[in-house]
Protein backbone atom coordinates (compact mmCIF):
# COMPACT_ATOMS: atom_id res chain seq x y z
CA MET A 1 0.00 0.00 0.00
CA ASP A 2 1.32 3.44 -0.91
CA ILE A 3 0.06 7.01 -0.68
CA ARG A 4 -0.79 7.05 -4.39
CA GLN A 5 -3.19 4.11 -4.02
CA ILE A 6 -4.86 5.78 -1.03
CA GLU A 7 -5.21 9.03 -2.97
CA TYR A 8 -6.74 7.26 -5.97
CA PHE A 9 -9.14 5.26 -3.78
CA THR A 10 -10.31 8.37 -1.92
CA GLU A 11 -10.97 10.26 -5.13
CA VAL A 12 -12.96 7.35 -6.63
CA ALA A 13 -14.96 7.06 -3.39
CA LYS A 14 -15.66 10.79 -3.49
CA HIS A 15 -17.08 10.74 -7.02
CA LEU A 16 -18.19 7.08 -7.09
CA SER A 17 -16.77 7.11 -10.57
CA PHE A 18 -13.47 5.94 -12.01
CA THR A 19 -13.89 8.30 -14.95
CA LYS A 20 -14.43 11.42 -12.83
CA ALA A 21 -11.61 10.47 -10.48
CA ALA A 22 -9.26 10.00 -13.45
CA SER A 23 -10.24 13.40 -14.82
CA THR A 24 -9.73 15.14 -11.46
CA LEU A 25 -6.35 13.51 -10.86
CA HIS A 26 -5.22 13.91 -14.50
CA VAL A 27 -4.32 10.25 -14.88
CA SER A 28 -5.71 7.52 -17.11
CA GLN A 29 -8.70 5.50 -15.98
CA PRO A 30 -6.87 2.17 -16.42
CA SER A 31 -4.14 3.42 -14.05
CA ILE A 32 -6.72 4.20 -11.37
CA SER A 33 -8.54 0.89 -11.90
CA LYS A 34 -5.27 -1.03 -11.62
CA ALA A 35 -4.29 0.84 -8.41
CA ILE A 36 -7.65 0.08 -6.79
CA GLN A 37 -7.46 -3.60 -7.79
CA ASN A 38 -3.97 -3.85 -6.25
CA LEU A 39 -5.21 -2.19 -3.06
CA GLU A 40 -8.16 -4.59 -2.81
CA ALA A 41 -5.85 -7.53 -3.39
CA GLU A 42 -3.46 -6.32 -0.70
CA LEU A 43 -6.27 -5.76 1.83
CA GLY A 44 -8.06 -9.01 0.86
CA VAL A 45 -11.51 -7.36 0.61
CA PRO A 46 -13.52 -5.63 -2.14
CA LEU A 47 -13.84 -1.89 -1.58
CA PHE A 48 -16.57 -1.21 -4.16
CA TYR A 49 -19.73 -2.89 -5.42
CA ARG A 50 -19.36 -2.74 -9.15
CA SER A 51 -22.56 -2.91 -11.19
CA SER A 52 -23.56 -1.71 -14.63
CA LYS A 53 -25.59 1.12 -13.13
CA GLN A 54 -23.65 2.41 -10.14
CA LEU A 55 -20.44 2.20 -8.11
CA GLU A 56 -20.91 1.86 -4.34
CA LEU A 57 -18.62 1.51 -1.34
CA THR A 58 -18.71 -1.78 0.54
CA ASP A 59 -18.66 -1.74 4.34
CA ALA A 60 -14.94 -2.43 4.14
CA GLY A 61 -14.61 0.43 1.65
CA LYS A 62 -16.37 2.81 4.04
CA ALA A 63 -14.00 1.81 6.85
CA VAL A 64 -10.96 2.24 4.62
CA LEU A 65 -12.23 5.64 3.43
CA ALA A 66 -12.55 6.99 6.97
CA ASN A 67 -8.95 6.05 7.71
CA ALA A 68 -7.67 7.00 4.25
CA GLN A 69 -8.89 10.57 4.71
CA GLN A 70 -6.94 10.83 7.97
CA VAL A 71 -3.83 9.40 6.31
CA LEU A 72 -4.04 11.89 3.43
CA ALA A 73 -4.57 14.79 5.84
CA ALA A 74 -1.55 13.69 7.89
CA PHE A 75 0.53 13.29 4.73
CA LYS A 76 -0.46 16.76 3.56
CA ASN A 77 0.53 18.22 6.93
CA LEU A 78 3.83 16.36 6.77
CA ARG A 79 4.62 17.74 3.33
CA SER A 80 3.73 21.24 4.48
CA GLU A 81 5.94 20.89 7.55
CA LEU A 82 8.85 19.56 5.51
CA THR A 83 8.41 22.44 3.08
CA ASP A 84 8.51 24.88 6.00
CA LEU A 85 11.66 23.23 7.30
CA MET A 86 13.29 23.32 3.87
CA GLU A 87 12.41 27.00 3.52
CA LEU A 88 13.38 27.63 7.15
CA LYS A 89 9.94 28.88 8.13
CA LYS A 90 10.12 26.84 11.32
CA GLY A 91 12.54 24.85 13.42
CA GLU A 92 14.94 25.40 16.30
CA ILE A 93 18.64 25.54 17.07
CA ARG A 94 20.10 24.68 20.47
CA ILE A 95 23.27 26.68 21.01
CA GLY A 96 25.66 26.63 23.94
CA ILE A 97 27.58 29.82 24.72
CA PRO A 98 30.03 30.76 27.49
CA PRO A 99 28.22 33.32 29.68
CA ILE A 100 31.20 35.63 30.17
CA VAL A 101 32.11 36.04 26.51
CA GLY A 102 29.40 34.44 24.40
CA VAL A 103 26.87 37.20 23.91
CA GLU A 104 29.56 39.89 23.51
CA PHE A 105 30.89 38.21 20.34
CA PHE A 106 27.89 36.18 19.21
CA SER A 107 25.02 38.67 19.33
CA LYS A 108 25.75 40.13 15.88
CA LEU A 109 25.69 36.70 14.23
CA ILE A 110 22.47 35.74 16.00
CA SER A 111 20.92 39.05 14.98
CA LEU A 112 21.80 38.45 11.32
CA TYR A 113 20.37 34.94 11.45
CA LYS A 114 17.10 36.05 13.08
CA GLU A 115 16.76 38.81 10.52
CA LYS A 116 17.08 36.27 7.73
CA TYR A 117 15.05 33.48 9.39
CA PRO A 118 12.67 35.11 11.90
CA TYR A 119 10.61 31.96 12.57
CA ILE A 120 13.51 29.77 13.70
CA GLU A 121 13.61 29.47 17.49
CA ILE A 122 17.09 29.86 18.98
CA LYS A 123 17.56 28.29 22.41
CA LEU A 124 20.69 29.53 24.19
CA THR A 125 22.32 27.63 27.04
CA GLU A 126 24.96 29.49 29.03
CA VAL A 127 27.65 27.13 30.36
CA GLY A 128 31.42 26.81 30.19
CA THR A 129 33.28 25.47 27.16
CA LYS A 130 33.89 22.04 28.70
CA LYS A 131 30.15 21.50 29.22
CA ILE A 132 29.39 22.92 25.78
CA ARG A 133 31.69 20.36 24.15
CA GLN A 134 30.05 17.61 26.18
CA GLY A 135 26.57 18.85 25.24
CA VAL A 136 27.42 18.86 21.52
CA GLU A 137 29.02 15.41 21.73
CA GLU A 138 25.97 13.97 23.50
CA GLY A 139 23.47 15.63 21.17
CA GLU A 140 21.96 17.96 23.79
CA LEU A 141 23.25 20.97 21.81
CA ASP A 142 23.30 21.43 18.03
CA ILE A 143 26.08 24.03 18.00
CA GLY A 144 28.50 25.36 20.56
CA LEU A 145 30.51 28.55 20.84
CA ILE A 146 33.71 27.42 22.49
CA CYS A 147 36.98 28.85 23.76
CA ASN A 148 40.47 27.36 23.42
CA LEU A 149 40.40 25.80 19.96
CA CYS A 150 43.67 23.92 20.46
CA VAL A 151 41.88 21.15 22.37
CA SER A 152 41.57 18.38 19.78
CA ASN A 153 38.41 16.30 19.49
CA ASP A 154 37.80 13.69 16.80
CA GLN A 155 34.03 13.88 17.29
CA LEU A 156 33.65 17.61 16.65
CA GLU A 157 34.04 19.90 13.66
CA THR A 158 35.21 23.41 14.55
CA ILE A 159 35.77 26.70 12.74
CA GLY A 160 37.58 29.65 14.29
CA ILE A 161 35.69 32.90 14.77
CA LEU A 162 37.90 35.16 16.86
CA LYS A 163 41.27 35.42 18.62
CA ASP A 164 41.26 38.17 21.24
CA PRO A 165 44.12 38.86 23.72
CA LEU A 166 43.36 38.95 27.43
CA MET A 167 44.02 42.16 29.36
CA LEU A 168 44.50 42.79 33.05
CA ILE A 169 41.83 44.80 34.85
CA VAL A 170 42.60 46.39 38.23
CA HIS A 171 41.12 49.04 40.49
CA LYS A 172 42.27 52.54 39.51
CA ASP A 173 44.08 52.87 42.88
CA HIS A 174 46.06 49.65 42.35
CA PRO A 175 49.85 50.18 41.97
CA LEU A 176 49.78 48.47 38.56
CA ALA A 177 47.13 50.87 37.25
CA LYS A 178 49.77 53.45 36.32
CA LEU A 179 51.80 51.06 34.14
CA PRO A 180 51.43 51.08 30.34
CA SER A 181 51.77 47.29 30.28
CA VAL A 182 52.43 44.37 32.63
CA GLU A 183 54.05 40.93 32.69
CA MET A 184 52.43 37.85 34.14
CA SER A 185 55.22 37.51 36.71
CA GLN A 186 54.11 40.80 38.28
CA LEU A 187 50.83 39.18 39.32
CA GLU A 188 52.37 36.51 41.54
CA LYS A 189 51.23 38.11 44.81
CA GLU A 190 47.82 39.24 43.53
CA SER A 191 44.42 37.72 44.32
CA PHE A 192 42.67 36.57 41.15
CA ILE A 193 38.98 36.88 40.30
CA ILE A 194 38.92 34.01 37.83
CA TYR A 195 36.63 32.03 35.59
CA ARG A 196 35.01 28.88 36.96
CA LYS A 197 36.74 25.52 36.52
CA ASP A 198 34.37 24.48 33.73
CA PHE A 199 35.80 27.28 31.57
CA THR A 200 38.86 26.42 29.48
CA LEU A 201 40.23 29.91 30.16
CA TYR A 202 40.53 28.86 33.80
CA ASP A 203 43.01 26.18 32.73
CA ARG A 204 44.85 28.53 30.37
CA ILE A 205 45.35 31.18 33.06
CA ILE A 206 46.58 28.58 35.58
CA GLU A 207 48.98 27.17 32.96
CA GLU A 208 50.35 30.63 32.12
CA CYS A 209 50.90 31.43 35.79
CA SER A 210 52.73 28.10 36.21
CA LYS A 211 55.04 28.97 33.32
CA HIS A 212 56.03 32.07 35.29
CA GLY A 213 56.75 30.06 38.42
CA PHE A 214 53.69 30.55 40.59
CA TYR A 215 50.18 29.26 41.26
CA PRO A 216 47.64 32.08 41.48
CA THR A 217 45.86 32.94 44.69
CA ILE A 218 42.17 32.67 43.80
CA ALA A 219 39.86 35.02 45.66
CA CYS A 220 36.72 34.13 43.72
CA GLU A 221 35.49 32.05 40.78
CA SER A 222 32.59 33.24 38.64
CA SER A 223 30.85 32.70 35.31
CA GLN A 224 29.42 36.24 35.22
CA LYS A 225 31.39 39.06 33.64
CA ASP A 226 29.54 41.77 35.55
CA LEU A 227 30.30 40.11 38.88
CA ILE A 228 33.99 39.82 38.00
CA VAL A 229 34.12 43.51 37.13
CA GLU A 230 32.29 44.51 40.30
CA MET A 231 34.62 42.41 42.43
CA VAL A 232 37.63 44.17 40.90
CA ALA A 233 35.95 47.55 41.44
CA ALA A 234 35.47 46.56 45.10
CA LYS A 235 39.23 45.84 45.39
CA VAL A 236 38.70 42.13 46.05
CA GLY A 237 41.31 41.24 43.44
CA ILE A 238 42.47 41.53 39.83
CA ALA A 239 41.06 39.78 36.77
CA LEU A 240 41.87 38.93 33.15
CA LEU A 241 39.23 39.69 30.53
CA PRO A 242 39.25 39.70 26.70
CA LYS A 243 40.32 42.97 25.09
CA LYS A 244 37.01 43.50 23.30
CA ILE A 245 35.17 43.30 26.62
CA CYS A 246 37.68 45.60 28.34
CA GLU A 247 37.22 48.21 25.61
CA LYS A 248 33.50 48.35 26.38
CA LEU A 249 33.76 48.57 30.17
CA GLN A 250 31.99 51.61 31.56
CA ASN A 251 33.29 51.71 35.09
CA ASP A 252 35.43 54.65 36.19
CA LYS A 253 36.90 52.56 39.00
CA ILE A 254 38.48 50.07 36.58
CA VAL A 255 41.70 50.34 34.56
CA SER A 256 42.55 47.92 31.72
CA ILE A 257 46.23 47.14 31.08
CA PRO A 258 47.70 45.10 28.19
CA PHE A 259 50.35 42.44 28.68
CA GLN A 260 53.81 43.10 27.27
CA GLN A 261 53.73 39.69 25.65
CA GLU A 262 50.36 38.51 24.40
CA ASN A 263 50.46 34.83 25.35
CA LEU A 264 46.89 34.53 26.62
CA PHE A 265 44.02 34.74 24.16
CA LEU A 266 40.31 34.18 24.09
CA GLU A 267 39.95 31.94 21.05
CA LEU A 268 36.35 31.55 19.98
CA GLY A 269 35.13 28.90 17.61
CA LEU A 270 31.89 27.39 16.42
CA THR A 271 31.64 23.62 16.88
CA TRP A 272 29.21 20.88 15.94
CA ARG A 273 29.13 17.08 15.90
CA LYS A 274 30.85 15.25 13.04
CA ASN A 275 29.01 12.52 11.15
CA LYS A 276 25.65 13.58 12.57
CA TYR A 277 22.57 14.71 10.70
CA LEU A 278 22.24 18.49 10.90
CA SER A 279 18.86 20.12 10.39
CA PHE A 280 18.37 22.70 7.65
CA ALA A 281 18.24 25.43 10.29
CA VAL A 282 21.57 24.33 11.81
CA ARG A 283 23.28 24.00 8.41
CA GLU A 284 22.14 27.47 7.43
CA PHE A 285 23.44 28.88 10.73
CA ILE A 286 26.85 27.34 10.11
CA GLU A 287 26.92 28.69 6.56
CA LEU A 288 25.98 32.16 7.77
CA ALA A 289 28.76 31.91 10.39
CA ARG A 290 31.29 31.07 7.66
CA GLN A 291 30.18 34.11 5.64
CA PHE A 292 30.29 36.26 8.78
CA ILE A 293 33.87 35.18 9.52
CA ASN A 294 35.07 35.84 5.96
CA LYS A 295 33.77 39.42 5.88
């Protein structure tokens, strides 16, 4: 049984005429007759009383018709939904972004996508890069915005979006605030306001401190940029934030200072699962991201 047989049967039942059904469907009458005969043979029951005067539905035919109409309605809805998906009139994308840096660098891309595809629902999950990678690997996220692209992963495909150096932020009264630039070794005795452990930048900062012969004193861990800034403004400690975020800080108590050697970077990339079916909405988002990067 196929959808064509059901469509032919329903049309014949509607008109109680093979000739009229053939005319409506723009197919030959023998084709419709053959399809109905095959359907009756498959079901093992006659669907019509055939007489010289009139064509009538049997009881079995009436039962099949009631269900056939539901099948055709469902099939029509399915085709409409698939068309909407193909034309990106509906659908959703589940995206993981790091809360400290994600929106700062991702909002423009999301805005462009929503402008182009306003009916696609974008669900954002704010977690650290480690959890984003895990979410993409396990299929809980379609796409992830991740930091630290050097971490290899055979299961994920990744494209680079941005490489932004980290800067030191201190209170304006801090002794380092007057310097044009700093070295990591000068931070040995400072208290750090640092990213949480589920952020790859946490590991990168610890590694960089270790290269300079010390382990940082951690005053506080946070996933919220605003809290980190406020803690520095309250003289709780110092912090390292991406340059693009530092340039937008509007806090007269905070001073941003570059490092003499730029060894620490926020590297942002877009990642998704290899060898996994990607919806039309997700594929279009990735393509738009590629175009956005190449501008």
